[in-house]
C-alpha cells in the first residue's frame, strides 16, 4: 500500500484522503525538520554576517576608514533586525509555535526596523557617512545567501 501510494504521489493521482495518510509526520520526523530549519536559519545569519564584514573590509581597503565604517553600518542596518527576526523564528520553531502569522509579522517588523535604522544612520552620521560604502554593506548583507549557495555547490 505504501509503495503504491508513493507511486500515485509521484504521478499526482491521489485524492485528499490518500494524501492525508501519506503526509503524516511522526514526532521524530517533525523534530528533525525543526532542527534542520533552525540550523538553516543560523547558517544564513552567519553567511550574512560574513558578507557584511567582507563589505566593510573591501570598503575600508578601497575607500579608507570612513568607508569601512559606513559599510559596516549599512550591513548592520539589515543584519541586526534580521538576526532578531531569525532568532525569534528559531525560538518559535523549537517551541512548536511557528505559523505563517509569526513569519509575516516578523518580516514586516524587520523591514520597518531596517528602514528606520537607515534613516537614523542618515541623520546621525550625515557628515561622515560614505553612502556608496553603506549601500555596498547593505546589499552584500542582503545577498548573504549567495555565499551559502556557493559553498553548497562545492560540497
C-alpha atoms as a PDB file:
ATOM      1  CA  UNK A   1       0.000   0.000   0.000  1.00  0.00           C
ATOM      2  CA  UNK A   2       2.777   2.443   0.950  1.00  0.00           C
ATOM      3  CA  UNK A   3       4.713   1.781  -2.271  1.00  0.00           C
ATOM      4  CA  UNK A   4       1.525   2.135  -4.312  1.00  0.00           C
ATOM      5  CA  UNK A   5       0.710   5.433  -2.565  1.00  0.00           C
ATOM      6  CA  UNK A   6       4.186   6.778  -3.291  1.00  0.00           C
ATOM      7  CA  UNK A   7       3.805   5.931  -6.976  1.00  0.00           C
ATOM      8  CA  UNK A   8       0.474   7.743  -7.036  1.00  0.00           C
ATOM      9  CA  UNK A   9       2.029  10.759  -5.301  1.00  0.00           C
ATOM     10  CA  UNK A  10       4.685  10.916  -7.988  1.00  0.00           C
ATOM     11  CA  UNK A  11       2.029  10.709 -10.679  1.00  0.00           C
ATOM     12  CA  UNK A  12      -0.256  13.217  -8.935  1.00  0.00           C
ATOM     13  CA  UNK A  13      -3.165  10.765  -8.764  1.00  0.00           C
ATOM     14  CA  UNK A  14      -4.051  10.891  -5.065  1.00  0.00           C
ATOM     15  CA  UNK A  15      -7.303  12.192  -3.684  1.00  0.00           C
ATOM     16  CA  UNK A  16      -7.395  14.142  -0.404  1.00  0.00           C
ATOM     17  CA  UNK A  17      -7.951  11.084   1.856  1.00  0.00           C
ATOM     18  CA  UNK A  18      -4.950   9.236   0.446  1.00  0.00           C
ATOM     19  CA  UNK A  19      -2.819  12.379   0.616  1.00  0.00           C
ATOM     20  CA  UNK A  20      -3.615  12.853   4.314  1.00  0.00           C
ATOM     21  CA  UNK A  21      -2.386   9.334   5.000  1.00  0.00           C
ATOM     22  CA  UNK A  22       0.848   9.870   3.074  1.00  0.00           C
ATOM     23  CA  UNK A  23       1.801  13.212   4.653  1.00  0.00           C
ATOM     24  CA  UNK A  24       1.570  12.207   8.320  1.00  0.00           C
ATOM     25  CA  UNK A  25       4.780  13.032  10.201  1.00  0.00           C
ATOM     26  CA  UNK A  26       5.926  11.346  13.358  1.00  0.00           C
ATOM     27  CA  UNK A  27       7.164  13.418  16.289  1.00  0.00           C
ATOM     28  CA  UNK A  28      10.720  12.355  15.484  1.00  0.00           C
ATOM     29  CA  UNK A  29      10.320  13.480  11.856  1.00  0.00           C
ATOM     30  CA  UNK A  30       8.891  16.801  12.967  1.00  0.00           C
ATOM     31  CA  UNK A  31      11.742  17.322  15.451  1.00  0.00           C
ATOM     32  CA  UNK A  32      14.305  16.530  12.749  1.00  0.00           C
ATOM     33  CA  UNK A  33      12.690  19.015  10.352  1.00  0.00           C
ATOM     34  CA  UNK A  34      12.591  21.690  13.066  1.00  0.00           C
ATOM     35  CA  UNK A  35      16.267  21.137  13.880  1.00  0.00           C
ATOM     36  CA  UNK A  36      17.175  21.333  10.198  1.00  0.00           C
ATOM     37  CA  UNK A  37      15.189  24.573   9.799  1.00  0.00           C
ATOM     38  CA  UNK A  38      16.894  26.108  12.845  1.00  0.00           C
ATOM     39  CA  UNK A  39      20.336  25.162  11.522  1.00  0.00           C
ATOM     40  CA  UNK A  40      19.451  26.668   8.149  1.00  0.00           C
ATOM     41  CA  UNK A  41      18.387  29.956   9.726  1.00  0.00           C
ATOM     42  CA  UNK A  42      21.552  30.192  11.792  1.00  0.00           C
ATOM     43  CA  UNK A  43      23.723  29.346   8.772  1.00  0.00           C
ATOM     44  CA  UNK A  44      22.001  32.078   6.769  1.00  0.00           C
ATOM     45  CA  UNK A  45      22.723  34.543   9.585  1.00  0.00           C
ATOM     46  CA  UNK A  46      26.368  33.522   9.670  1.00  0.00           C
ATOM     47  CA  UNK A  47      26.639  33.961   5.899  1.00  0.00           C
ATOM     48  CA  UNK A  48      25.046  37.403   6.067  1.00  0.00           C
ATOM     49  CA  UNK A  49      27.389  38.424   8.861  1.00  0.00           C
ATOM     50  CA  UNK A  50      30.389  37.217   6.867  1.00  0.00           C
ATOM     51  CA  UNK A  51      29.255  39.137   3.789  1.00  0.00           C
ATOM     52  CA  UNK A  52      28.732  42.295   5.875  1.00  0.00           C
ATOM     53  CA  UNK A  53      32.226  42.011   7.323  1.00  0.00           C
ATOM     54  CA  UNK A  54      33.649  41.365   3.853  1.00  0.00           C
ATOM     55  CA  UNK A  55      31.918  44.516   2.585  1.00  0.00           C
ATOM     56  CA  UNK A  56      33.422  46.517   5.442  1.00  0.00           C
ATOM     57  CA  UNK A  57      36.915  45.184   4.733  1.00  0.00           C
ATOM     58  CA  UNK A  58      36.606  45.813   0.980  1.00  0.00           C
ATOM     59  CA  UNK A  59      35.261  49.332   1.506  1.00  0.00           C
ATOM     60  CA  UNK A  60      37.933  50.050   4.123  1.00  0.00           C
ATOM     61  CA  UNK A  61      40.746  48.938   1.823  1.00  0.00           C
ATOM     62  CA  UNK A  62      39.375  50.779  -1.223  1.00  0.00           C
ATOM     63  CA  UNK A  63      37.938  53.915   0.369  1.00  0.00           C
ATOM     64  CA  UNK A  64      39.558  54.299   3.764  1.00  0.00           C
ATOM     65  CA  UNK A  65      38.363  54.019   7.344  1.00  0.00           C
ATOM     66  CA  UNK A  66      35.237  56.151   6.890  1.00  0.00           C
ATOM     67  CA  UNK A  67      34.105  53.926   4.018  1.00  0.00           C
ATOM     68  CA  UNK A  68      34.797  50.783   6.049  1.00  0.00           C
ATOM     69  CA  UNK A  69      32.746  52.040   8.983  1.00  0.00           C
ATOM     70  CA  UNK A  70      29.984  53.164   6.614  1.00  0.00           C
ATOM     71  CA  UNK A  71      29.829  49.716   5.024  1.00  0.00           C
ATOM     72  CA  UNK A  72      29.686  48.122   8.461  1.00  0.00           C
ATOM     73  CA  UNK A  73      26.865  50.478   9.471  1.00  0.00           C
ATOM     74  CA  UNK A  74      24.953  49.712   6.254  1.00  0.00           C
ATOM     75  CA  UNK A  75      25.395  45.980   6.853  1.00  0.00           C
ATOM     76  CA  UNK A  76      24.265  46.346  10.462  1.00  0.00           C
ATOM     77  CA  UNK A  77      21.129  48.204   9.442  1.00  0.00           C
ATOM     78  CA  UNK A  78      19.899  44.982   7.849  1.00  0.00           C
ATOM     79  CA  UNK A  79      21.776  42.364   9.876  1.00  0.00           C
ATOM     80  CA  UNK A  80      20.570  43.421  13.334  1.00  0.00           C
ATOM     81  CA  UNK A  81      16.808  43.329  12.597  1.00  0.00           C
ATOM     82  CA  UNK A  82      17.266  40.169  10.545  1.00  0.00           C
ATOM     83  CA  UNK A  83      19.188  38.441  13.340  1.00  0.00           C
ATOM     84  CA  UNK A  84      16.460  39.307  15.844  1.00  0.00           C
ATOM     85  CA  UNK A  85      13.818  38.022  13.427  1.00  0.00           C
ATOM     86  CA  UNK A  86      15.706  34.780  12.758  1.00  0.00           C
ATOM     87  CA  UNK A  87      16.298  34.129  16.450  1.00  0.00           C
ATOM     88  CA  UNK A  88      12.603  34.707  17.126  1.00  0.00           C
ATOM     89  CA  UNK A  89      11.766  32.178  14.416  1.00  0.00           C
ATOM     90  CA  UNK A  90      14.197  29.640  15.889  1.00  0.00           C
ATOM     91  CA  UNK A  91      12.573  30.008  19.298  1.00  0.00           C
ATOM     92  CA  UNK A  92       9.102  29.673  17.740  1.00  0.00           C
ATOM     93  CA  UNK A  93      10.110  26.561  15.811  1.00  0.00           C
ATOM     94  CA  UNK A  94      11.652  24.910  18.860  1.00  0.00           C
ATOM     95  CA  UNK A  95       8.589  25.720  20.960  1.00  0.00           C
ATOM     96  CA  UNK A  96       6.310  24.360  18.221  1.00  0.00           C
ATOM     97  CA  UNK A  97       4.513  27.686  17.786  1.00  0.00           C
ATOM     98  CA  UNK A  98       5.739  28.697  14.336  1.00  0.00           C
ATOM     99  CA  UNK A  99       2.979  29.768  11.984  1.00  0.00           C
ATOM    100  CA  UNK A 100       2.531  31.988   8.930  1.00  0.00           C
ATOM    101  CA  UNK A 101       1.419  34.970  11.029  1.00  0.00           C
ATOM    102  CA  UNK A 102       4.636  34.792  13.078  1.00  0.00           C
ATOM    103  CA  UNK A 103       6.642  34.868   9.875  1.00  0.00           C
ATOM    104  CA  UNK A 104       4.667  37.654   8.179  1.00  0.00           C
ATOM    105  CA  UNK A 105       4.545  39.941  11.203  1.00  0.00           C
ATOM    106  CA  UNK A 106       8.236  39.381  11.904  1.00  0.00           C
ATOM    107  CA  UNK A 107       9.142  40.110   8.291  1.00  0.00           C
ATOM    108  CA  UNK A 108       7.169  43.370   8.337  1.00  0.00           C
ATOM    109  CA  UNK A 109       8.749  44.466  11.606  1.00  0.00           C
ATOM    110  CA  UNK A 110      12.195  43.594  10.222  1.00  0.00           C
ATOM    111  CA  UNK A 111      11.638  45.697   7.098  1.00  0.00           C
ATOM    112  CA  UNK A 112      10.376  48.695   9.076  1.00  0.00           C
ATOM    113  CA  UNK A 113      13.278  48.390  11.532  1.00  0.00           C
ATOM    114  CA  UNK A 114      15.775  48.287   8.657  1.00  0.00           C
ATOM    115  CA  UNK A 115      14.250  51.391   7.084  1.00  0.00           C
ATOM    116  CA  UNK A 116      14.272  53.135  10.476  1.00  0.00           C
ATOM    117  CA  UNK A 117      17.926  52.255  11.092  1.00  0.00           C
ATOM    118  CA  UNK A 118      18.926  53.511   7.638  1.00  0.00           C
ATOM    119  CA  UNK A 119      17.018  56.753   8.256  1.00  0.00           C
ATOM    120  CA  UNK A 120      18.685  57.166  11.661  1.00  0.00           C
ATOM    121  CA  UNK A 121      22.058  56.454  10.070  1.00  0.00           C
ATOM    122  CA  UNK A 122      21.481  59.194   7.518  1.00  0.00           C
ATOM    123  CA  UNK A 123      20.576  61.662  10.289  1.00  0.00           C
ATOM    124  CA  UNK A 124      23.226  60.791  12.875  1.00  0.00           C
ATOM    125  CA  UNK A 125      26.221  60.253  10.589  1.00  0.00           C
ATOM    126  CA  UNK A 126      25.302  62.522   7.696  1.00  0.00           C
ATOM    127  CA  UNK A 127      28.671  64.319   7.679  1.00  0.00           C
ATOM    128  CA  UNK A 128      30.871  61.210   7.845  1.00  0.00           C
ATOM    129  CA  UNK A 129      28.750  58.612   6.072  1.00  0.00           C
ATOM    130  CA  UNK A 130      30.016  57.312   2.734  1.00  0.00           C
ATOM    131  CA  UNK A 131      26.781  56.299   1.032  1.00  0.00           C
ATOM    132  CA  UNK A 132      28.241  54.042  -1.683  1.00  0.00           C
ATOM    133  CA  UNK A 133      30.047  52.047   1.007  1.00  0.00           C
ATOM    134  CA  UNK A 134      26.935  51.896   3.216  1.00  0.00           C
ATOM    135  CA  UNK A 135      24.906  50.621   0.276  1.00  0.00           C
ATOM    136  CA  UNK A 136      27.618  48.067  -0.519  1.00  0.00           C
ATOM    137  CA  UNK A 137      27.386  46.768   3.044  1.00  0.00           C
ATOM    138  CA  UNK A 138      23.607  46.661   2.881  1.00  0.00           C
ATOM    139  CA  UNK A 139      23.483  44.872  -0.473  1.00  0.00           C
ATOM    140  CA  UNK A 140      26.170  42.315   0.328  1.00  0.00           C
ATOM    141  CA  UNK A 141      24.464  41.515   3.615  1.00  0.00           C
ATOM    142  CA  UNK A 142      21.123  41.133   1.834  1.00  0.00           C
ATOM    143  CA  UNK A 143      22.767  38.720  -0.580  1.00  0.00           C
ATOM    144  CA  UNK A 144      24.476  36.632   2.095  1.00  0.00           C
ATOM    145  CA  UNK A 145      22.563  33.561   0.988  1.00  0.00           C
ATOM    146  CA  UNK A 146      24.697  33.558  -2.178  1.00  0.00           C
ATOM    147  CA  UNK A 147      27.640  32.561  -0.003  1.00  0.00           C
ATOM    148  CA  UNK A 148      25.681  29.534   1.201  1.00  0.00           C
ATOM    149  CA  UNK A 149      24.707  28.616  -2.331  1.00  0.00           C
ATOM    150  CA  UNK A 150      28.297  28.896  -3.483  1.00  0.00           C
ATOM    151  CA  UNK A 151      29.664  26.617  -0.763  1.00  0.00           C
ATOM    152  CA  UNK A 152      26.776  24.174  -1.000  1.00  0.00           C
ATOM    153  CA  UNK A 153      27.626  23.605  -4.672  1.00  0.00           C
ATOM    154  CA  UNK A 154      31.258  22.893  -3.753  1.00  0.00           C
ATOM    155  CA  UNK A 155      30.495  20.346  -1.062  1.00  0.00           C
END
